[in-house]
C-alpha atoms as a PDB file:
ATOM      1  CA  UNK A   1      18.884 111.491  37.546  1.00  0.00           C
ATOM      2  CA  UNK A   2      20.015 109.522  34.463  1.00  0.00           C
ATOM      3  CA  UNK A   3      23.259 107.619  35.024  1.00  0.00           C
ATOM      4  CA  UNK A   4      26.311 108.049  32.673  1.00  0.00           C
ATOM      5  CA  UNK A   5      26.977 105.228  30.249  1.00  0.00           C
ATOM      6  CA  UNK A   6      30.518 103.851  30.254  1.00  0.00           C
ATOM      7  CA  UNK A   7      31.977 102.603  27.150  1.00  0.00           C
ATOM      8  CA  UNK A   8      34.916 100.316  27.603  1.00  0.00           C
ATOM      9  CA  UNK A   9      36.701  97.455  25.657  1.00  0.00           C
ATOM     10  CA  UNK A  10      34.979  94.206  25.748  1.00  0.00           C
ATOM     11  CA  UNK A  11      36.983  91.346  27.218  1.00  0.00           C
ATOM     12  CA  UNK A  12      36.459  87.619  26.948  1.00  0.00           C
ATOM     13  CA  UNK A  13      35.279  87.447  30.445  1.00  0.00           C
ATOM     14  CA  UNK A  14      32.478  89.856  29.657  1.00  0.00           C
ATOM     15  CA  UNK A  15      30.845  87.398  27.056  1.00  0.00           C
ATOM     16  CA  UNK A  16      28.553  85.667  29.459  1.00  0.00           C
ATOM     17  CA  UNK A  17      27.304  89.106  30.725  1.00  0.00           C
ATOM     18  CA  UNK A  18      26.402  90.424  27.158  1.00  0.00           C
ATOM     19  CA  UNK A  19      24.850  87.243  26.002  1.00  0.00           C
ATOM     20  CA  UNK A  20      21.407  88.373  26.913  1.00  0.00           C
ATOM     21  CA  UNK A  21      21.805  91.236  24.382  1.00  0.00           C
ATOM     22  CA  UNK A  22      22.508  88.870  21.569  1.00  0.00           C
ATOM     23  CA  UNK A  23      20.871  86.346  19.315  1.00  0.00           C
ATOM     24  CA  UNK A  24      21.961  82.642  19.589  1.00  0.00           C
ATOM     25  CA  UNK A  25      23.827  82.936  16.262  1.00  0.00           C
ATOM     26  CA  UNK A  26      25.645  86.269  17.261  1.00  0.00           C
ATOM     27  CA  UNK A  27      27.204  84.708  20.354  1.00  0.00           C
ATOM     28  CA  UNK A  28      29.753  82.394  18.748  1.00  0.00           C
ATOM     29  CA  UNK A  29      30.685  85.147  16.032  1.00  0.00           C
ATOM     30  CA  UNK A  30      31.306  87.588  18.892  1.00  0.00           C
ATOM     31  CA  UNK A  31      33.530  85.064  20.626  1.00  0.00           C
ATOM     32  CA  UNK A  32      35.580  84.865  17.549  1.00  0.00           C
ATOM     33  CA  UNK A  33      35.908  88.627  17.048  1.00  0.00           C
ATOM     34  CA  UNK A  34      36.730  89.310  20.582  1.00  0.00           C
ATOM     35  CA  UNK A  35      39.716  86.879  19.989  1.00  0.00           C
ATOM     36  CA  UNK A  36      40.655  88.159  16.522  1.00  0.00           C
ATOM     37  CA  UNK A  37      39.690  91.819  16.668  1.00  0.00           C
ATOM     38  CA  UNK A  38      39.849  93.076  20.320  1.00  0.00           C
ATOM     39  CA  UNK A  39      40.278  96.682  19.279  1.00  0.00           C
ATOM     40  CA  UNK A  40      36.814  96.503  17.553  1.00  0.00           C
ATOM     41  CA  UNK A  41      34.845  95.047  20.390  1.00  0.00           C
ATOM     42  CA  UNK A  42      33.315  97.380  23.095  1.00  0.00           C
ATOM     43  CA  UNK A  43      30.612  97.229  25.702  1.00  0.00           C
ATOM     44  CA  UNK A  44      28.344  99.978  27.021  1.00  0.00           C
ATOM     45  CA  UNK A  45      27.645  99.787  30.681  1.00  0.00           C
ATOM     46  CA  UNK A  46      24.964 101.732  32.981  1.00  0.00           C
ATOM     47  CA  UNK A  47      24.902 101.111  36.645  1.00  0.00           C
ATOM     48  CA  UNK A  48      27.607  98.224  36.162  1.00  0.00           C
ATOM     49  CA  UNK A  49      25.227  96.344  33.692  1.00  0.00           C
ATOM     50  CA  UNK A  50      25.871  95.758  30.129  1.00  0.00           C
ATOM     51  CA  UNK A  51      23.261  97.839  27.969  1.00  0.00           C
ATOM     52  CA  UNK A  52      24.993  97.695  24.517  1.00  0.00           C
ATOM     53  CA  UNK A  53      27.754  95.770  22.613  1.00  0.00           C
ATOM     54  CA  UNK A  54      29.436  96.289  19.359  1.00  0.00           C
ATOM     55  CA  UNK A  55      32.094  94.250  17.274  1.00  0.00           C
ATOM     56  CA  UNK A  56      33.865  95.366  14.306  1.00  0.00           C
ATOM     57  CA  UNK A  57      36.646  93.707  12.336  1.00  0.00           C
ATOM     58  CA  UNK A  58      39.193  94.777   9.822  1.00  0.00           C
ATOM     59  CA  UNK A  59      40.522  92.504   6.991  1.00  0.00           C
ATOM     60  CA  UNK A  60      43.123  93.791   4.786  1.00  0.00           C
ATOM     61  CA  UNK A  61      41.710  97.179   3.877  1.00  0.00           C
ATOM     62  CA  UNK A  62      38.078  96.516   4.696  1.00  0.00           C
ATOM     63  CA  UNK A  63      36.183  97.494   7.861  1.00  0.00           C
ATOM     64  CA  UNK A  64      33.036  95.478   8.780  1.00  0.00           C
ATOM     65  CA  UNK A  65      30.506  96.107  11.382  1.00  0.00           C
ATOM     66  CA  UNK A  66      29.648  92.675  12.741  1.00  0.00           C
ATOM     67  CA  UNK A  67      27.365  93.203  15.850  1.00  0.00           C
ATOM     68  CA  UNK A  68      25.617  96.411  17.230  1.00  0.00           C
ATOM     69  CA  UNK A  69      23.064  95.714  19.880  1.00  0.00           C
ATOM     70  CA  UNK A  70      21.530  98.036  22.516  1.00  0.00           C
ATOM     71  CA  UNK A  71      19.188  96.875  25.350  1.00  0.00           C
ATOM     72  CA  UNK A  72      15.703  97.923  24.460  1.00  0.00           C
ATOM     73  CA  UNK A  73      15.055 100.211  27.358  1.00  0.00           C
ATOM     74  CA  UNK A  74      18.244 102.119  26.345  1.00  0.00           C
ATOM     75  CA  UNK A  75      17.418 102.828  22.789  1.00  0.00           C
ATOM     76  CA  UNK A  76      17.002 106.287  21.556  1.00  0.00           C
ATOM     77  CA  UNK A  77      19.634 107.591  24.209  1.00  0.00           C
ATOM     78  CA  UNK A  78      22.593 107.756  21.792  1.00  0.00           C
ATOM     79  CA  UNK A  79      24.148 104.495  23.176  1.00  0.00           C
ATOM     80  CA  UNK A  80      24.220 102.932  19.586  1.00  0.00           C
ATOM     81  CA  UNK A  81      25.737 106.164  18.099  1.00  0.00           C
ATOM     82  CA  UNK A  82      28.525 106.058  20.773  1.00  0.00           C
ATOM     83  CA  UNK A  83      29.146 102.313  20.126  1.00  0.00           C
ATOM     84  CA  UNK A  84      29.337 102.798  16.326  1.00  0.00           C
ATOM     85  CA  UNK A  85      31.609 105.867  16.683  1.00  0.00           C
ATOM     86  CA  UNK A  86      34.167 103.841  18.971  1.00  0.00           C
ATOM     87  CA  UNK A  87      33.986 100.776  16.764  1.00  0.00           C
ATOM     88  CA  UNK A  88      34.860 102.962  13.645  1.00  0.00           C
ATOM     89  CA  UNK A  89      38.129 103.842  15.182  1.00  0.00           C
ATOM     90  CA  UNK A  90      39.174 100.305  14.600  1.00  0.00           C
ATOM     91  CA  UNK A  91      38.825 100.864  10.880  1.00  0.00           C
ATOM     92  CA  UNK A  92      41.328 103.892  10.677  1.00  0.00           C
ATOM     93  CA  UNK A  93      43.224 103.476   7.502  1.00  0.00           C
ATOM     94  CA  UNK A  94      40.615 101.085   5.791  1.00  0.00           C
ATOM     95  CA  UNK A  95      39.540 102.246   2.363  1.00  0.00           C
ATOM     96  CA  UNK A  96      36.246 100.343   2.385  1.00  0.00           C
ATOM     97  CA  UNK A  97      33.441  99.465   4.770  1.00  0.00           C
ATOM     98  CA  UNK A  98      30.269  97.219   5.046  1.00  0.00           C
ATOM     99  CA  UNK A  99      27.529  97.259   7.487  1.00  0.00           C
ATOM    100  CA  UNK A 100      24.403  95.238   7.946  1.00  0.00           C
ATOM    101  CA  UNK A 101      21.527  97.564   8.584  1.00  0.00           C
ATOM    102  CA  UNK A 102      18.270  96.651  10.400  1.00  0.00           C
ATOM    103  CA  UNK A 103      14.958  97.895   8.784  1.00  0.00           C
ATOM    104  CA  UNK A 104      14.538 100.314  11.819  1.00  0.00           C
ATOM    105  CA  UNK A 105      14.499 104.033  10.471  1.00  0.00           C
ATOM    106  CA  UNK A 106      16.919 105.095  13.247  1.00  0.00           C
ATOM    107  CA  UNK A 107      19.545 102.326  12.130  1.00  0.00           C
ATOM    108  CA  UNK A 108      19.164 103.573   8.497  1.00  0.00           C
ATOM    109  CA  UNK A 109      19.633 107.260   9.554  1.00  0.00           C
ATOM    110  CA  UNK A 110      22.629 106.493  11.659  1.00  0.00           C
ATOM    111  CA  UNK A 111      24.308 104.484   8.839  1.00  0.00           C
ATOM    112  CA  UNK A 112      23.677 107.386   6.215  1.00  0.00           C
ATOM    113  CA  UNK A 113      25.161 109.989   8.721  1.00  0.00           C
ATOM    114  CA  UNK A 114      28.135 107.675   9.159  1.00  0.00           C
ATOM    115  CA  UNK A 115      28.981 108.044   5.463  1.00  0.00           C
ATOM    116  CA  UNK A 116      27.611 104.824   3.912  1.00  0.00           C
ATOM    117  CA  UNK A 117      25.362 104.295   1.035  1.00  0.00           C
ATOM    118  CA  UNK A 118      22.259 102.003   1.820  1.00  0.00           C
ATOM    119  CA  UNK A 119      21.222  99.233  -0.547  1.00  0.00           C
ATOM    120  CA  UNK A 120      18.012  97.132   0.158  1.00  0.00           C
ATOM    121  CA  UNK A 121      18.317  93.396   0.726  1.00  0.00           C
ATOM    122  CA  UNK A 122      15.717  90.774  -0.283  1.00  0.00           C
ATOM    123  CA  UNK A 123      15.146  87.539   1.657  1.00  0.00           C
ATOM    124  CA  UNK A 124      13.789  84.179   0.166  1.00  0.00           C
ATOM    125  CA  UNK A 125      11.838  81.625   2.223  1.00  0.00           C
ATOM    126  CA  UNK A 126       9.989  78.374   1.512  1.00  0.00           C
ATOM    127  CA  UNK A 127      10.424  74.852   0.933  1.00  0.00           C
ATOM    128  CA  UNK A 128      12.672  73.536  -1.928  1.00  0.00           C
ATOM    129  CA  UNK A 129      11.022  70.814  -4.131  1.00  0.00           C
ATOM    130  CA  UNK A 130      13.332  67.914  -5.124  1.00  0.00           C
ATOM    131  CA  UNK A 131      11.895  68.214  -8.597  1.00  0.00           C
ATOM    132  CA  UNK A 132      13.535  71.512  -9.357  1.00  0.00           C
ATOM    133  CA  UNK A 133      17.022  70.650  -8.202  1.00  0.00           C
ATOM    134  CA  UNK A 134      19.525  70.467 -10.925  1.00  0.00           C
ATOM    135  CA  UNK A 135      22.161  67.751 -11.046  1.00  0.00           C
ATOM    136  CA  UNK A 136      25.486  69.460  -9.928  1.00  0.00           C
ATOM    137  CA  UNK A 137      28.536  67.327  -9.858  1.00  0.00           C
ATOM    138  CA  UNK A 138      31.432  69.862  -9.826  1.00  0.00           C
ATOM    139  CA  UNK A 139      31.477  70.882  -6.278  1.00  0.00           C
ATOM    140  CA  UNK A 140      33.707  68.935  -3.600  1.00  0.00           C
ATOM    141  CA  UNK A 141      33.950  69.035   0.122  1.00  0.00           C
ATOM    142  CA  UNK A 142      36.302  71.804   1.284  1.00  0.00           C
ATOM    143  CA  UNK A 143      38.286  72.667   4.440  1.00  0.00           C
ATOM    144  CA  UNK A 144      40.320  75.270   5.955  1.00  0.00           C
ATOM    145  CA  UNK A 145      43.088  74.049   3.756  1.00  0.00           C
ATOM    146  CA  UNK A 146      41.167  75.796   0.854  1.00  0.00           C
ATOM    147  CA  UNK A 147      41.777  79.342   2.528  1.00  0.00           C
ATOM    148  CA  UNK A 148      44.212  80.529  -0.105  1.00  0.00           C
ATOM    149  CA  UNK A 149      41.658  79.780  -2.874  1.00  0.00           C
ATOM    150  CA  UNK A 150      38.834  81.334  -1.002  1.00  0.00           C
ATOM    151  CA  UNK A 151      40.849  84.420  -0.065  1.00  0.00           C
ATOM    152  CA  UNK A 152      41.592  84.830  -3.755  1.00  0.00           C
ATOM    153  CA  UNK A 153      37.934  84.668  -4.550  1.00  0.00           C
ATOM    154  CA  UNK A 154      37.073  87.039  -1.701  1.00  0.00           C
ATOM    155  CA  UNK A 155      39.457  89.590  -3.037  1.00  0.00           C
ATOM    156  CA  UNK A 156      38.023  89.520  -6.607  1.00  0.00           C
ATOM    157  CA  UNK A 157      34.506  89.833  -5.379  1.00  0.00           C
ATOM    158  CA  UNK A 158      34.451  91.668  -1.982  1.00  0.00           C
ATOM    159  CA  UNK A 159      37.603  93.731  -2.228  1.00  0.00           C
ATOM    160  CA  UNK A 160      39.142  92.001   0.775  1.00  0.00           C
ATOM    161  CA  UNK A 161      39.846  88.432   2.063  1.00  0.00           C
ATOM    162  CA  UNK A 162      38.122  86.951   4.999  1.00  0.00           C
ATOM    163  CA  UNK A 163      41.606  85.676   6.128  1.00  0.00           C
ATOM    164  CA  UNK A 164      41.417  84.237   9.638  1.00  0.00           C
ATOM    165  CA  UNK A 165      37.565  83.996   9.441  1.00  0.00           C
ATOM    166  CA  UNK A 166      37.787  81.004   7.092  1.00  0.00           C
ATOM    167  CA  UNK A 167      39.225  78.995   9.949  1.00  0.00           C
ATOM    168  CA  UNK A 168      36.249  79.748  12.132  1.00  0.00           C
ATOM    169  CA  UNK A 169      33.767  79.325   9.319  1.00  0.00           C
ATOM    170  CA  UNK A 170      35.128  75.992   8.270  1.00  0.00           C
ATOM    171  CA  UNK A 171      34.764  74.676  11.869  1.00  0.00           C
ATOM    172  CA  UNK A 172      31.239  75.925  12.013  1.00  0.00           C
ATOM    173  CA  UNK A 173      29.640  75.082   8.704  1.00  0.00           C
ATOM    174  CA  UNK A 174      30.034  72.387   5.980  1.00  0.00           C
ATOM    175  CA  UNK A 175      32.037  73.728   3.119  1.00  0.00           C
ATOM    176  CA  UNK A 176      31.524  73.107  -0.659  1.00  0.00           C
ATOM    177  CA  UNK A 177      34.164  74.276  -3.136  1.00  0.00           C
ATOM    178  CA  UNK A 178      34.258  74.630  -7.000  1.00  0.00           C
ATOM    179  CA  UNK A 179      37.704  74.889  -8.588  1.00  0.00           C
ATOM    180  CA  UNK A 180      38.152  74.851 -12.214  1.00  0.00           C
ATOM    181  CA  UNK A 181      39.728  76.836 -14.975  1.00  0.00           C
ATOM    182  CA  UNK A 182      36.457  78.596 -15.924  1.00  0.00           C
ATOM    183  CA  UNK A 183      35.625  79.754 -12.377  1.00  0.00           C
ATOM    184  CA  UNK A 184      36.235  79.302  -8.630  1.00  0.00           C
ATOM    185  CA  UNK A 185      33.909  79.681  -5.651  1.00  0.00           C
ATOM    186  CA  UNK A 186      32.835  78.197  -2.286  1.00  0.00           C
ATOM    187  CA  UNK A 187      29.652  78.136  -0.184  1.00  0.00           C
ATOM    188  CA  UNK A 188      29.426  77.496   3.547  1.00  0.00           C
ATOM    189  CA  UNK A 189      26.093  75.564   3.986  1.00  0.00           C
ATOM    190  CA  UNK A 190      23.820  76.954   6.904  1.00  0.00           C
ATOM    191  CA  UNK A 191      22.126  74.506   9.249  1.00  0.00           C
ATOM    192  CA  UNK A 192      19.293  73.000   7.547  1.00  0.00           C
ATOM    193  CA  UNK A 193      20.576  74.088   4.116  1.00  0.00           C
ATOM    194  CA  UNK A 194      20.889  77.195   2.143  1.00  0.00           C
ATOM    195  CA  UNK A 195      23.991  79.445   2.048  1.00  0.00           C
ATOM    196  CA  UNK A 196      25.646  80.829   5.217  1.00  0.00           C
ATOM    197  CA  UNK A 197      28.296  82.514   2.878  1.00  0.00           C
ATOM    198  CA  UNK A 198      28.752  82.286  -0.724  1.00  0.00           C
ATOM    199  CA  UNK A 199      31.353  83.785  -3.158  1.00  0.00           C
ATOM    200  CA  UNK A 200      32.375  82.919  -6.669  1.00  0.00           C
ATOM    201  CA  UNK A 201      34.354  84.489  -9.419  1.00  0.00           C
ATOM    202  CA  UNK A 202      31.407  84.402 -11.948  1.00  0.00           C
ATOM    203  CA  UNK A 203      27.687  84.014 -11.862  1.00  0.00           C
ATOM    204  CA  UNK A 204      27.610  80.446 -13.277  1.00  0.00           C
ATOM    205  CA  UNK A 205      29.799  79.180 -10.579  1.00  0.00           C
ATOM    206  CA  UNK A 206      27.762  80.993  -7.876  1.00  0.00           C
ATOM    207  CA  UNK A 207      24.491  79.670  -9.381  1.00  0.00           C
ATOM    208  CA  UNK A 208      25.826  76.086  -9.119  1.00  0.00           C
ATOM    209  CA  UNK A 209      27.013  76.692  -5.489  1.00  0.00           C
ATOM    210  CA  UNK A 210      23.629  78.186  -4.459  1.00  0.00           C
ATOM    211  CA  UNK A 211      21.891  75.132  -5.871  1.00  0.00           C
ATOM    212  CA  UNK A 212      24.321  72.874  -4.081  1.00  0.00           C
ATOM    213  CA  UNK A 213      23.381  74.542  -0.745  1.00  0.00           C
ATOM    214  CA  UNK A 214      19.633  74.267  -1.553  1.00  0.00           C
ATOM    215  CA  UNK A 215      20.029  70.577  -2.116  1.00  0.00           C
ATOM    216  CA  UNK A 216      21.066  70.181   1.523  1.00  0.00           C
ATOM    217  CA  UNK A 217      17.624  71.313   2.505  1.00  0.00           C
ATOM    218  CA  UNK A 218      14.912  69.054   3.948  1.00  0.00           C
ATOM    219  CA  UNK A 219      11.929  69.507   1.535  1.00  0.00           C
ATOM    220  CA  UNK A 220       9.521  69.333   4.588  1.00  0.00           C
ATOM    221  CA  UNK A 221      11.269  72.205   6.382  1.00  0.00           C
ATOM    222  CA  UNK A 222      11.331  75.806   5.233  1.00  0.00           C
ATOM    223  CA  UNK A 223      14.757  77.272   4.300  1.00  0.00           C
ATOM    224  CA  UNK A 224      15.847  80.938   4.134  1.00  0.00           C
ATOM    225  CA  UNK A 225      18.152  82.611   1.837  1.00  0.00           C
ATOM    226  CA  UNK A 226      18.852  85.972   3.208  1.00  0.00           C
ATOM    227  CA  UNK A 227      20.802  89.121   2.238  1.00  0.00           C
ATOM    228  CA  UNK A 228      20.234  89.149  -1.457  1.00  0.00           C
ATOM    229  CA  UNK A 229      21.099  92.467  -2.893  1.00  0.00           C
ATOM    230  CA  UNK A 230      19.773  93.931  -6.317  1.00  0.00           C
ATOM    231  CA  UNK A 231      23.291  93.313  -7.653  1.00  0.00           C
ATOM    232  CA  UNK A 232      22.860  89.625  -7.087  1.00  0.00           C
ATOM    233  CA  UNK A 233      19.927  89.051  -9.517  1.00  0.00           C
ATOM    234  CA  UNK A 234      21.461  85.626 -10.400  1.00  0.00           C
ATOM    235  CA  UNK A 235      20.562  84.506  -6.778  1.00  0.00           C
ATOM    236  CA  UNK A 236      17.029  85.924  -7.146  1.00  0.00           C
ATOM    237  CA  UNK A 237      16.572  83.841 -10.294  1.00  0.00           C
ATOM    238  CA  UNK A 238      17.674  80.682  -8.405  1.00  0.00           C
ATOM    239  CA  UNK A 239      15.438  81.097  -5.411  1.00  0.00           C
ATOM    240  CA  UNK A 240      12.406  82.041  -7.593  1.00  0.00           C
ATOM    241  CA  UNK A 241      13.035  78.907  -9.666  1.00  0.00           C
ATOM    242  CA  UNK A 242      13.294  77.050  -6.393  1.00  0.00           C
ATOM    243  CA  UNK A 243       9.648  78.132  -5.596  1.00  0.00           C
ATOM    244  CA  UNK A 244      10.770  80.362  -2.676  1.00  0.00           C
ATOM    245  CA  UNK A 245       8.761  83.641  -1.733  1.00  0.00           C
ATOM    246  CA  UNK A 246      10.759  86.822  -1.751  1.00  0.00           C
ATOM    247  CA  UNK A 247      10.376  89.726   0.732  1.00  0.00           C
ATOM    248  CA  UNK A 248      12.540  92.515   2.131  1.00  0.00           C
ATOM    249  CA  UNK A 249      15.407  91.920   4.496  1.00  0.00           C
ATOM    250  CA  UNK A 250      16.984  95.124   5.866  1.00  0.00           C
ATOM    251  CA  UNK A 251      19.874  96.853   4.076  1.00  0.00           C
ATOM    252  CA  UNK A 252      23.452  96.826   3.274  1.00  0.00           C
ATOM    253  CA  UNK A 253      25.604  99.792   3.965  1.00  0.00           C
ATOM    254  CA  UNK A 254      28.661 100.299   1.725  1.00  0.00           C
ATOM    255  CA  UNK A 255      31.484 102.765   1.959  1.00  0.00           C
ATOM    256  CA  UNK A 256      33.657 103.191  -1.184  1.00  0.00           C
ATOM    257  CA  UNK A 257      32.948  99.773  -2.564  1.00  0.00           C
ATOM    258  CA  UNK A 258      29.876  98.443  -4.569  1.00  0.00           C
ATOM    259  CA  UNK A 259      27.695  95.637  -3.243  1.00  0.00           C
ATOM    260  CA  UNK A 260      29.743  92.530  -3.724  1.00  0.00           C
ATOM    261  CA  UNK A 261      28.755  90.197  -6.557  1.00  0.00           C
ATOM    262  CA  UNK A 262      28.479  87.189  -7.165  1.00  0.00           C
ATOM    263  CA  UNK A 263      28.232  87.154  -3.465  1.00  0.00           C
ATOM    264  CA  UNK A 264      25.868  86.272  -0.497  1.00  0.00           C
ATOM    265  CA  UNK A 265      27.336  87.613   2.819  1.00  0.00           C
ATOM    266  CA  UNK A 266      27.520  85.986   6.094  1.00  0.00           C
ATOM    267  CA  UNK A 267      25.223  87.367   8.671  1.00  0.00           C
ATOM    268  CA  UNK A 268      28.088  88.813  10.899  1.00  0.00           C
ATOM    269  CA  UNK A 269      31.215  88.624   8.793  1.00  0.00           C
ATOM    270  CA  UNK A 270      29.678  90.159   5.629  1.00  0.00           C
END
């Protein structure tokens, strides 16, 4: 006889137990969200064992699904749907929403049934030759002290500021900022180079910041530039010029907002 699945709030003390459900890069992001958005973090249990976890955040009037994972042997039993439904209650009153969607047909179906429009993402991979890197001299080192500037850029591009997320991001990734009268923007540089999160008020600034992040790569080690939507053709032009190969990379689900641009979202904060 199948056992009932219990959905309950995720606590800080549950993090070691759910770690096996998550990838290495999801774990620190989940720890951040349990502290900042406890109302959006839930765990599914069966026989006292964690079999699924979800984390959602709200920033201003934006709801974002950060993490949704279900143990492989429990998939197809409605656990993911239950977790998504309870996580969406954290976004009551939010006007807009974003979801990172895996390529699995069930994930796309659930996203559509939840009221989101689905847009394909592209991913670029390869090694960046030093010969193609332009000279960029306008970016400076940034810090959490730039949060007001970055929040302003977020609101223009994404429809909501990242707010408290910038403190966590600035403690996790190197930050480069462009601040000038013709355009502002920032990029958090991923380990090994490339963008972990990039936002700018215009395409020229975004292009310079993307090149800035690619300049941090090791030419002998492949780099990945993920989550490029069709709205961000400027980024596609850069990665093609850099000699990277382009393939598919899942989907972006949006509700009452267009795919942000010029913008390359973070894997878990979008």
